[in-house]
Amino acid sequence: MNLKPIFTEKSMNQAKSGRYSFWFLPKFSKNQIKVILEKTLDIKIDSIKTQNYKKMMAKTMRGTVKTIPAKKKVLITLKSGKIELFADEVKSSKSK
């Protein structure tokens, strides 16, 4: 399971206040997500909120149909500390 953090303007502003967002497969439950994140990132999670996104069909400019897979957005709040993955992204975007 590779972690896919969300690097948008809104998620980066939330990361400053201690809320981090990731994409996961919809088959994972909150408990499974908590275990995965705590083991891989070596953090302690305070709360988890999830949002499910359904599979969608979209047409491209050429008229072909593209399938966008279902996914789950996970918002976590830490008990203390920070995730270095988000701090590195802020530094690299400012240096450009």
PDB file of N, CA and C in Angstrom:
ATOM      1  N   MET A   1       0.848  -1.189   0.000  1.00  0.00           N
ATOM      2  CA  MET A   1       0.000   0.000   0.000  1.00  0.00           C
ATOM      3  C   MET A   1       0.878   1.231   0.000  1.00  0.00           C
ATOM      4  N   ASN A   2       0.925   1.935  -1.091  1.00  0.00           N
ATOM      5  CA  ASN A   2       1.688   3.174  -1.126  1.00  0.00           C
ATOM      6  C   ASN A   2       0.775   4.340  -0.763  1.00  0.00           C
ATOM      7  N   LEU A   3       1.275   5.216   0.084  1.00  0.00           N
ATOM      8  CA  LEU A   3       0.497   6.356   0.545  1.00  0.00           C
ATOM      9  C   LEU A   3       0.453   7.416  -0.535  1.00  0.00           C
ATOM     10  N   LYS A   4      -0.716   7.992  -0.736  1.00  0.00           N
ATOM     11  CA  LYS A   4      -0.866   9.065  -1.711  1.00  0.00           C
ATOM     12  C   LYS A   4      -1.361  10.303  -0.965  1.00  0.00           C
ATOM     13  N   PRO A   5      -0.445  11.152  -0.523  1.00  0.00           N
ATOM     14  CA  PRO A   5      -0.892  12.369   0.144  1.00  0.00           C
ATOM     15  C   PRO A   5      -1.518  13.333  -0.854  1.00  0.00           C
ATOM     16  N   ILE A   6      -2.386  14.196  -0.370  1.00  0.00           N
ATOM     17  CA  ILE A   6      -3.063  15.176  -1.211  1.00  0.00           C
ATOM     18  C   ILE A   6      -2.355  16.510  -1.040  1.00  0.00           C
ATOM     19  N   PHE A   7      -1.782  17.029  -2.131  1.00  0.00           N
ATOM     20  CA  PHE A   7      -1.058  18.293  -2.104  1.00  0.00           C
ATOM     21  C   PHE A   7      -1.832  19.353  -2.881  1.00  0.00           C
ATOM     22  N   THR A   8      -2.925  19.839  -2.304  1.00  0.00           N
ATOM     23  CA  THR A   8      -3.658  20.950  -2.890  1.00  0.00           C
ATOM     24  C   THR A   8      -3.495  22.155  -1.967  1.00  0.00           C
ATOM     25  N   GLU A   9      -3.940  23.298  -2.431  1.00  0.00           N
ATOM     26  CA  GLU A   9      -3.806  24.501  -1.619  1.00  0.00           C
ATOM     27  C   GLU A   9      -4.583  24.369  -0.304  1.00  0.00           C
ATOM     28  N   LYS A  10      -5.772  23.817  -0.378  1.00  0.00           N
ATOM     29  CA  LYS A  10      -6.593  23.649   0.815  1.00  0.00           C
ATOM     30  C   LYS A  10      -5.957  22.658   1.785  1.00  0.00           C
ATOM     31  N   SER A  11      -5.460  21.530   1.280  1.00  0.00           N
ATOM     32  CA  SER A  11      -4.872  20.527   2.168  1.00  0.00           C
ATOM     33  C   SER A  11      -3.564  21.014   2.782  1.00  0.00           C
ATOM     34  N   MET A  12      -2.822  21.840   2.072  1.00  0.00           N
ATOM     35  CA  MET A  12      -1.580  22.372   2.631  1.00  0.00           C
ATOM     36  C   MET A  12      -1.880  23.382   3.744  1.00  0.00           C
ATOM     37  N   ASN A  13      -2.947  24.162   3.605  1.00  0.00           N
ATOM     38  CA  ASN A  13      -3.352  25.071   4.677  1.00  0.00           C
ATOM     39  C   ASN A  13      -3.833  24.295   5.896  1.00  0.00           C
ATOM     40  N   GLN A  14      -4.534  23.183   5.676  1.00  0.00           N
ATOM     41  CA  GLN A  14      -4.965  22.343   6.790  1.00  0.00           C
ATOM     42  C   GLN A  14      -3.778  21.658   7.462  1.00  0.00           C
ATOM     43  N   ALA A  15      -2.742  21.329   6.684  1.00  0.00           N
ATOM     44  CA  ALA A  15      -1.558  20.672   7.244  1.00  0.00           C
ATOM     45  C   ALA A  15      -0.834  21.589   8.230  1.00  0.00           C
ATOM     46  N   LYS A  16      -0.918  22.887   8.012  1.00  0.00           N
ATOM     47  CA  LYS A  16      -0.300  23.830   8.941  1.00  0.00           C
ATOM     48  C   LYS A  16      -0.962  23.781  10.310  1.00  0.00           C
ATOM     49  N   SER A  17      -2.251  23.459  10.335  1.00  0.00           N
ATOM     50  CA  SER A  17      -2.966  23.380  11.601  1.00  0.00           C
ATOM     51  C   SER A  17      -3.047  21.957  12.148  1.00  0.00           C
ATOM     52  N   GLY A  18      -2.368  21.011  11.514  1.00  0.00           N
ATOM     53  CA  GLY A  18      -2.290  19.648  12.045  1.00  0.00           C
ATOM     54  C   GLY A  18      -3.268  18.654  11.460  1.00  0.00           C
ATOM     55  N   ARG A  19      -3.959  18.988  10.357  1.00  0.00           N
ATOM     56  CA  ARG A  19      -4.866  18.055   9.682  1.00  0.00           C
ATOM     57  C   ARG A  19      -4.252  17.662   8.344  1.00  0.00           C
ATOM     58  N   TYR A  20      -4.086  16.372   8.128  1.00  0.00           N
ATOM     59  CA  TYR A  20      -3.427  15.863   6.926  1.00  0.00           C
ATOM     60  C   TYR A  20      -4.398  15.010   6.132  1.00  0.00           C
ATOM     61  N   SER A  21      -4.250  15.015   4.808  1.00  0.00           N
ATOM     62  CA  SER A  21      -5.183  14.280   3.946  1.00  0.00           C
ATOM     63  C   SER A  21      -4.429  13.324   3.019  1.00  0.00           C
ATOM     64  N   PHE A  22      -5.038  12.159   2.799  1.00  0.00           N
ATOM     65  CA  PHE A  22      -4.472  11.101   1.968  1.00  0.00           C
ATOM     66  C   PHE A  22      -5.573  10.466   1.137  1.00  0.00           C
ATOM     67  N   TRP A  23      -5.184   9.829   0.014  1.00  0.00           N
ATOM     68  CA  TRP A  23      -6.091   9.006  -0.789  1.00  0.00           C
ATOM     69  C   TRP A  23      -5.852   7.550  -0.414  1.00  0.00           C
ATOM     70  N   PHE A  24      -6.925   6.792  -0.254  1.00  0.00           N
ATOM     71  CA  PHE A  24      -6.852   5.361   0.017  1.00  0.00           C
ATOM     72  C   PHE A  24      -7.845   4.643  -0.882  1.00  0.00           C
ATOM     73  N   LEU A  25      -7.704   3.332  -0.963  1.00  0.00           N
ATOM     74  CA  LEU A  25      -8.692   2.519  -1.660  1.00  0.00           C
ATOM     75  C   LEU A  25      -9.946   2.431  -0.792  1.00  0.00           C
ATOM     76  N   PRO A  26     -11.128   2.379  -1.390  1.00  0.00           N
ATOM     77  CA  PRO A  26     -12.356   2.384  -0.594  1.00  0.00           C
ATOM     78  C   PRO A  26     -12.563   1.135   0.259  1.00  0.00           C
ATOM     79  N   LYS A  27     -11.824   0.074   0.016  1.00  0.00           N
ATOM     80  CA  LYS A  27     -12.034  -1.158   0.779  1.00  0.00           C
ATOM     81  C   LYS A  27     -11.489  -1.085   2.200  1.00  0.00           C
ATOM     82  N   PHE A  28     -10.646  -0.094   2.513  1.00  0.00           N
ATOM     83  CA  PHE A  28     -10.061   0.011   3.840  1.00  0.00           C
ATOM     84  C   PHE A  28     -11.017   0.694   4.808  1.00  0.00           C
ATOM     85  N   SER A  29     -11.100   0.171   6.032  1.00  0.00           N
ATOM     86  CA  SER A  29     -11.919   0.784   7.073  1.00  0.00           C
ATOM     87  C   SER A  29     -11.076   1.790   7.854  1.00  0.00           C
ATOM     88  N   LYS A  30     -11.725   2.536   8.748  1.00  0.00           N
ATOM     89  CA  LYS A  30     -11.003   3.532   9.543  1.00  0.00           C
ATOM     90  C   LYS A  30      -9.938   2.880  10.426  1.00  0.00           C
ATOM     91  N   ASN A  31     -10.270   1.735  11.007  1.00  0.00           N
ATOM     92  CA  ASN A  31      -9.300   1.050  11.873  1.00  0.00           C
ATOM     93  C   ASN A  31      -8.090   0.569  11.080  1.00  0.00           C
ATOM     94  N   GLN A  32      -8.312   0.027   9.900  1.00  0.00           N
ATOM     95  CA  GLN A  32      -7.209  -0.430   9.060  1.00  0.00           C
ATOM     96  C   GLN A  32      -6.342   0.745   8.625  1.00  0.00           C
ATOM     97  N   ILE A  33      -6.972   1.862   8.269  1.00  0.00           N
ATOM     98  CA  ILE A  33      -6.230   3.043   7.851  1.00  0.00           C
ATOM     99  C   ILE A  33      -5.371   3.565   8.992  1.00  0.00           C
ATOM    100  N   LYS A  34      -5.925   3.573  10.196  1.00  0.00           N
ATOM    101  CA  LYS A  34      -5.189   4.045  11.370  1.00  0.00           C
ATOM    102  C   LYS A  34      -3.954   3.196  11.615  1.00  0.00           C
ATOM    103  N   VAL A  35      -4.094   1.889  11.525  1.00  0.00           N
ATOM    104  CA  VAL A  35      -2.958   0.986  11.739  1.00  0.00           C
ATOM    105  C   VAL A  35      -1.894   1.197  10.666  1.00  0.00           C
ATOM    106  N   ILE A  36      -2.309   1.314   9.422  1.00  0.00           N
ATOM    107  CA  ILE A  36      -1.359   1.497   8.314  1.00  0.00           C
ATOM    108  C   ILE A  36      -0.582   2.798   8.470  1.00  0.00           C
ATOM    109  N   LEU A  37      -1.284   3.893   8.745  1.00  0.00           N
ATOM    110  CA  LEU A  37      -0.616   5.190   8.865  1.00  0.00           C
ATOM    111  C   LEU A  37       0.301   5.255  10.089  1.00  0.00           C
ATOM    112  N   GLU A  38      -0.141   4.703  11.213  1.00  0.00           N
ATOM    113  CA  GLU A  38       0.699   4.739  12.409  1.00  0.00           C
ATOM    114  C   GLU A  38       1.965   3.920  12.247  1.00  0.00           C
ATOM    115  N   LYS A  39       1.884   2.803  11.536  1.00  0.00           N
ATOM    116  CA  LYS A  39       3.077   1.979  11.331  1.00  0.00           C
ATOM    117  C   LYS A  39       4.032   2.595  10.311  1.00  0.00           C
ATOM    118  N   THR A  40       3.505   3.072   9.199  1.00  0.00           N
ATOM    119  CA  THR A  40       4.391   3.555   8.135  1.00  0.00           C
ATOM    120  C   THR A  40       4.991   4.920   8.444  1.00  0.00           C
ATOM    121  N   LEU A  41       4.223   5.817   9.067  1.00  0.00           N
ATOM    122  CA  LEU A  41       4.717   7.171   9.324  1.00  0.00           C
ATOM    123  C   LEU A  41       5.208   7.373  10.755  1.00  0.00           C
ATOM    124  N   ASP A  42       5.036   6.365  11.630  1.00  0.00           N
ATOM    125  CA  ASP A  42       5.474   6.424  13.029  1.00  0.00           C
ATOM    126  C   ASP A  42       4.860   7.646  13.729  1.00  0.00           C
ATOM    127  N   ILE A  43       3.530   7.701  13.740  1.00  0.00           N
ATOM    128  CA  ILE A  43       2.787   8.815  14.331  1.00  0.00           C
ATOM    129  C   ILE A  43       1.682   8.258  15.229  1.00  0.00           C
ATOM    130  N   LYS A  44       1.066   9.123  16.019  1.00  0.00           N
ATOM    131  CA  LYS A  44      -0.105   8.772  16.825  1.00  0.00           C
ATOM    132  C   LYS A  44      -1.281   9.602  16.341  1.00  0.00           C
ATOM    133  N   ILE A  45      -2.339   8.940  15.897  1.00  0.00           N
ATOM    134  CA  ILE A  45      -3.490   9.600  15.304  1.00  0.00           C
ATOM    135  C   ILE A  45      -4.557   9.850  16.369  1.00  0.00           C
ATOM    136  N   ASP A  46      -5.098  11.068  16.373  1.00  0.00           N
ATOM    137  CA  ASP A  46      -6.150  11.441  17.314  1.00  0.00           C
ATOM    138  C   ASP A  46      -7.523  11.124  16.734  1.00  0.00           C
ATOM    139  N   SER A  47      -7.801  11.563  15.504  1.00  0.00           N
ATOM    140  CA  SER A  47      -9.101  11.295  14.894  1.00  0.00           C
ATOM    141  C   SER A  47      -8.954  11.083  13.391  1.00  0.00           C
ATOM    142  N   ILE A  48      -9.931  10.356  12.825  1.00  0.00           N
ATOM    143  CA  ILE A  48      -9.950  10.070  11.389  1.00  0.00           C
ATOM    144  C   ILE A  48     -11.340  10.380  10.851  1.00  0.00           C
ATOM    145  N   LYS A  49     -11.390  11.091   9.740  1.00  0.00           N
ATOM    146  CA  LYS A  49     -12.636  11.330   9.011  1.00  0.00           C
ATOM    147  C   LYS A  49     -12.427  10.847   7.585  1.00  0.00           C
ATOM    148  N   THR A  50     -13.443  10.208   7.016  1.00  0.00           N
ATOM    149  CA  THR A  50     -13.329   9.686   5.658  1.00  0.00           C
ATOM    150  C   THR A  50     -14.473  10.191   4.790  1.00  0.00           C
ATOM    151  N   GLN A  51     -14.180  10.273   3.490  1.00  0.00           N
ATOM    152  CA  GLN A  51     -15.181  10.633   2.489  1.00  0.00           C
ATOM    153  C   GLN A  51     -15.030   9.665   1.328  1.00  0.00           C
ATOM    154  N   ASN A  52     -16.128   9.036   0.927  1.00  0.00           N
ATOM    155  CA  ASN A  52     -16.094   8.102  -0.192  1.00  0.00           C
ATOM    156  C   ASN A  52     -16.440   8.807  -1.493  1.00  0.00           C
ATOM    157  N   TYR A  53     -15.672   8.521  -2.529  1.00  0.00           N
ATOM    158  CA  TYR A  53     -15.927   9.040  -3.871  1.00  0.00           C
ATOM    159  C   TYR A  53     -16.259   7.859  -4.769  1.00  0.00           C
ATOM    160  N   LYS A  54     -17.372   7.931  -5.483  1.00  0.00           N
ATOM    161  CA  LYS A  54     -17.814   6.850  -6.354  1.00  0.00           C
ATOM    162  C   LYS A  54     -17.005   6.820  -7.650  1.00  0.00           C
ATOM    163  N   LYS A  55     -17.061   5.664  -8.311  1.00  0.00           N
ATOM    164  CA  LYS A  55     -16.461   5.535  -9.640  1.00  0.00           C
ATOM    165  C   LYS A  55     -17.246   6.394 -10.614  1.00  0.00           C
ATOM    166  N   MET A  56     -16.530   7.098 -11.501  1.00  0.00           N
ATOM    167  CA  MET A  56     -17.199   7.990 -12.449  1.00  0.00           C
ATOM    168  C   MET A  56     -16.723   7.708 -13.865  1.00  0.00           C
ATOM    169  N   MET A  57     -17.589   8.038 -14.815  1.00  0.00           N
ATOM    170  CA  MET A  57     -17.244   7.956 -16.230  1.00  0.00           C
ATOM    171  C   MET A  57     -17.137   9.390 -16.743  1.00  0.00           C
ATOM    172  N   ALA A  58     -16.066   9.703 -17.460  1.00  0.00           N
ATOM    173  CA  ALA A  58     -15.869  11.054 -17.984  1.00  0.00           C
ATOM    174  C   ALA A  58     -15.437  10.955 -19.440  1.00  0.00           C
ATOM    175  N   LYS A  59     -15.879  11.910 -20.243  1.00  0.00           N
ATOM    176  CA  LYS A  59     -15.469  11.961 -21.644  1.00  0.00           C
ATOM    177  C   LYS A  59     -14.264  12.870 -21.776  1.00  0.00           C
ATOM    178  N   THR A  60     -13.326  12.446 -22.610  1.00  0.00           N
ATOM    179  CA  THR A  60     -12.152  13.261 -22.877  1.00  0.00           C
ATOM    180  C   THR A  60     -12.448  14.207 -24.038  1.00  0.00           C
ATOM    181  N   MET A  61     -11.479  15.034 -24.380  1.00  0.00           N
ATOM    182  CA  MET A  61     -11.651  15.986 -25.481  1.00  0.00           C
ATOM    183  C   MET A  61     -11.902  15.276 -26.813  1.00  0.00           C
ATOM    184  N   ARG A  62     -11.350  14.094 -26.951  1.00  0.00           N
ATOM    185  CA  ARG A  62     -11.495  13.348 -28.213  1.00  0.00           C
ATOM    186  C   ARG A  62     -12.763  12.511 -28.259  1.00  0.00           C
ATOM    187  N   GLY A  63     -13.524  12.499 -27.164  1.00  0.00           N
ATOM    188  CA  GLY A  63     -14.778  11.766 -27.150  1.00  0.00           C
ATOM    189  C   GLY A  63     -14.690  10.371 -26.573  1.00  0.00           C
ATOM    190  N   THR A  64     -13.513   9.935 -26.187  1.00  0.00           N
ATOM    191  CA  THR A  64     -13.398   8.616 -25.580  1.00  0.00           C
ATOM    192  C   THR A  64     -13.854   8.678 -24.124  1.00  0.00           C
ATOM    193  N   VAL A  65     -14.335   7.565 -23.633  1.00  0.00           N
ATOM    194  CA  VAL A  65     -14.835   7.506 -22.263  1.00  0.00           C
ATOM    195  C   VAL A  65     -13.717   6.999 -21.359  1.00  0.00           C
ATOM    196  N   LYS A  66     -13.491   7.727 -20.294  1.00  0.00           N
ATOM    197  CA  LYS A  66     -12.438   7.390 -19.336  1.00  0.00           C
ATOM    198  C   LYS A  66     -13.099   7.052 -18.004  1.00  0.00           C
ATOM    199  N   THR A  67     -12.656   5.986 -17.355  1.00  0.00           N
ATOM    200  CA  THR A  67     -13.192   5.593 -16.062  1.00  0.00           C
ATOM    201  C   THR A  67     -12.290   6.130 -14.951  1.00  0.00           C
ATOM    202  N   ILE A  68     -12.870   6.883 -14.041  1.00  0.00           N
ATOM    203  CA  ILE A  68     -12.147   7.375 -12.873  1.00  0.00           C
ATOM    204  C   ILE A  68     -12.487   6.431 -11.725  1.00  0.00           C
ATOM    205  N   PRO A  69     -11.502   5.742 -11.159  1.00  0.00           N
ATOM    206  CA  PRO A  69     -11.796   4.724 -10.149  1.00  0.00           C
ATOM    207  C   PRO A  69     -12.328   5.327  -8.847  1.00  0.00           C
ATOM    208  N   ALA A  70     -13.019   4.490  -8.078  1.00  0.00           N
ATOM    209  CA  ALA A  70     -13.511   4.900  -6.766  1.00  0.00           C
ATOM    210  C   ALA A  70     -12.330   5.070  -5.828  1.00  0.00           C
ATOM    211  N   LYS A  71     -12.450   6.015  -4.891  1.00  0.00           N
ATOM    212  CA  LYS A  71     -11.381   6.264  -3.936  1.00  0.00           C
ATOM    213  C   LYS A  71     -11.965   6.811  -2.652  1.00  0.00           C
ATOM    214  N   LYS A  72     -11.142   6.826  -1.612  1.00  0.00           N
ATOM    215  CA  LYS A  72     -11.559   7.307  -0.307  1.00  0.00           C
ATOM    216  C   LYS A  72     -10.588   8.377   0.148  1.00  0.00           C
ATOM    217  N   LYS A  73     -11.126   9.528   0.519  1.00  0.00           N
ATOM    218  CA  LYS A  73     -10.304  10.618   1.043  1.00  0.00           C
ATOM    219  C   LYS A  73     -10.295  10.502   2.562  1.00  0.00           C
ATOM    220  N   VAL A  74      -9.087  10.537   3.138  1.00  0.00           N
ATOM    221  CA  VAL A  74      -8.929  10.368   4.576  1.00  0.00           C
ATOM    222  C   VAL A  74      -8.318  11.635   5.154  1.00  0.00           C
ATOM    223  N   LEU A  75      -8.985  12.210   6.163  1.00  0.00           N
ATOM    224  CA  LEU A  75      -8.478  13.375   6.879  1.00  0.00           C
ATOM    225  C   LEU A  75      -8.121  12.934   8.290  1.00  0.00           C
ATOM    226  N   ILE A  76      -6.849  13.122   8.673  1.00  0.00           N
ATOM    227  CA  ILE A  76      -6.422  12.700  10.005  1.00  0.00           C
ATOM    228  C   ILE A  76      -5.963  13.906  10.814  1.00  0.00           C
ATOM    229  N   THR A  77      -6.135  13.796  12.121  1.00  0.00           N
ATOM    230  CA  THR A  77      -5.633  14.785  13.059  1.00  0.00           C
ATOM    231  C   THR A  77      -4.680  14.060  13.996  1.00  0.00           C
ATOM    232  N   LEU A  78      -3.499  14.617  14.198  1.00  0.00           N
ATOM    233  CA  LEU A  78      -2.491  13.992  15.037  1.00  0.00           C
ATOM    234  C   LEU A  78      -2.634  14.432  16.486  1.00  0.00           C
ATOM    235  N   LYS A  79      -2.191  13.561  17.411  1.00  0.00           N
ATOM    236  CA  LYS A  79      -2.181  13.930  18.827  1.00  0.00           C
ATOM    237  C   LYS A  79      -1.106  14.979  19.073  1.00  0.00           C
ATOM    238  N   SER A  80       0.057  14.781  18.479  1.00  0.00           N
ATOM    239  CA  SER A  80       1.140  15.764  18.594  1.00  0.00           C
ATOM    240  C   SER A  80       2.136  15.511  17.471  1.00  0.00           C
ATOM    241  N   GLY A  81       2.939  16.517  17.148  1.00  0.00           N
ATOM    242  CA  GLY A  81       3.960  16.375  16.123  1.00  0.00           C
ATOM    243  C   GLY A  81       3.450  16.745  14.740  1.00  0.00           C
ATOM    244  N   LYS A  82       4.308  16.477  13.761  1.00  0.00           N
ATOM    245  CA  LYS A  82       4.002  16.796  12.369  1.00  0.00           C
ATOM    246  C   LYS A  82       4.442  15.644  11.478  1.00  0.00           C
ATOM    247  N   ILE A  83       3.936  15.642  10.260  1.00  0.00           N
ATOM    248  CA  ILE A  83       4.367  14.675   9.251  1.00  0.00           C
ATOM    249  C   ILE A  83       5.360  15.391   8.346  1.00  0.00           C
ATOM    250  N   GLU A  84       6.557  14.881   8.259  1.00  0.00           N
ATOM    251  CA  GLU A  84       7.625  15.529   7.494  1.00  0.00           C
ATOM    252  C   GLU A  84       7.347  15.537   5.993  1.00  0.00           C
ATOM    253  N   LEU A  85       6.530  14.624   5.526  1.00  0.00           N
ATOM    254  CA  LEU A  85       6.200  14.542   4.100  1.00  0.00           C
ATOM    255  C   LEU A  85       5.548  15.834   3.616  1.00  0.00           C
ATOM    256  N   PHE A  86       4.678  16.417   4.423  1.00  0.00           N
ATOM    257  CA  PHE A  86       4.001  17.653   4.052  1.00  0.00           C
ATOM    258  C   PHE A  86       4.913  18.863   4.226  1.00  0.00           C
ATOM    259  N   ALA A  87       5.807  18.838   5.188  1.00  0.00           N
ATOM    260  CA  ALA A  87       6.732  19.952   5.404  1.00  0.00           C
ATOM    261  C   ALA A  87       7.720  20.047   4.243  1.00  0.00           C
ATOM    262  N   ASP A  88       8.186  18.916   3.712  1.00  0.00           N
ATOM    263  CA  ASP A  88       9.106  18.909   2.578  1.00  0.00           C
ATOM    264  C   ASP A  88       8.452  19.488   1.322  1.00  0.00           C
ATOM    265  N   GLU A  89       7.159  19.183   1.123  1.00  0.00           N
ATOM    266  CA  GLU A  89       6.445  19.660  -0.063  1.00  0.00           C
ATOM    267  C   GLU A  89       6.274  21.177  -0.013  1.00  0.00           C
ATOM    268  N   VAL A  90       6.062  21.738   1.166  1.00  0.00           N
ATOM    269  CA  VAL A  90       5.909  23.182   1.301  1.00  0.00           C
ATOM    270  C   VAL A  90       7.215  23.874   0.972  1.00  0.00           C
ATOM    271  N   LYS A  91       8.330  23.338   1.454  1.00  0.00           N
ATOM    272  CA  LYS A  91       9.648  23.925   1.184  1.00  0.00           C
ATOM    273  C   LYS A  91       9.988  23.892  -0.292  1.00  0.00           C
ATOM    274  N   SER A  92       9.725  22.766  -0.961  1.00  0.00           N
ATOM    275  CA  SER A  92      10.077  22.634  -2.375  1.00  0.00           C
ATOM    276  C   SER A  92       9.207  23.526  -3.254  1.00  0.00           C
ATOM    277  N   SER A  93       7.952  23.748  -2.875  1.00  0.00           N
ATOM    278  CA  SER A  93       7.090  24.597  -3.698  1.00  0.00           C
ATOM    279  C   SER A  93       7.446  26.068  -3.531  1.00  0.00           C
ATOM    280  N   LYS A  94       7.960  26.459  -2.376  1.00  0.00           N
ATOM    281  CA  LYS A  94       8.363  27.846  -2.165  1.00  0.00           C
ATOM    282  C   LYS A  94       9.668  28.172  -2.875  1.00  0.00           C
ATOM    283  N   SER A  95      10.549  27.181  -3.044  1.00  0.00           N
ATOM    284  CA  SER A  95      11.848  27.421  -3.665  1.00  0.00           C
ATOM    285  C   SER A  95      11.762  27.592  -5.177  1.00  0.00           C
ATOM    286  N   LYS A  96      10.641  27.229  -5.784  1.00  0.00           N
ATOM    287  CA  LYS A  96      10.492  27.335  -7.243  1.00  0.00           C
ATOM    288  C   LYS A  96      10.222  28.728  -7.681  1.00  0.00           C
TER     289      LYS A  96
END
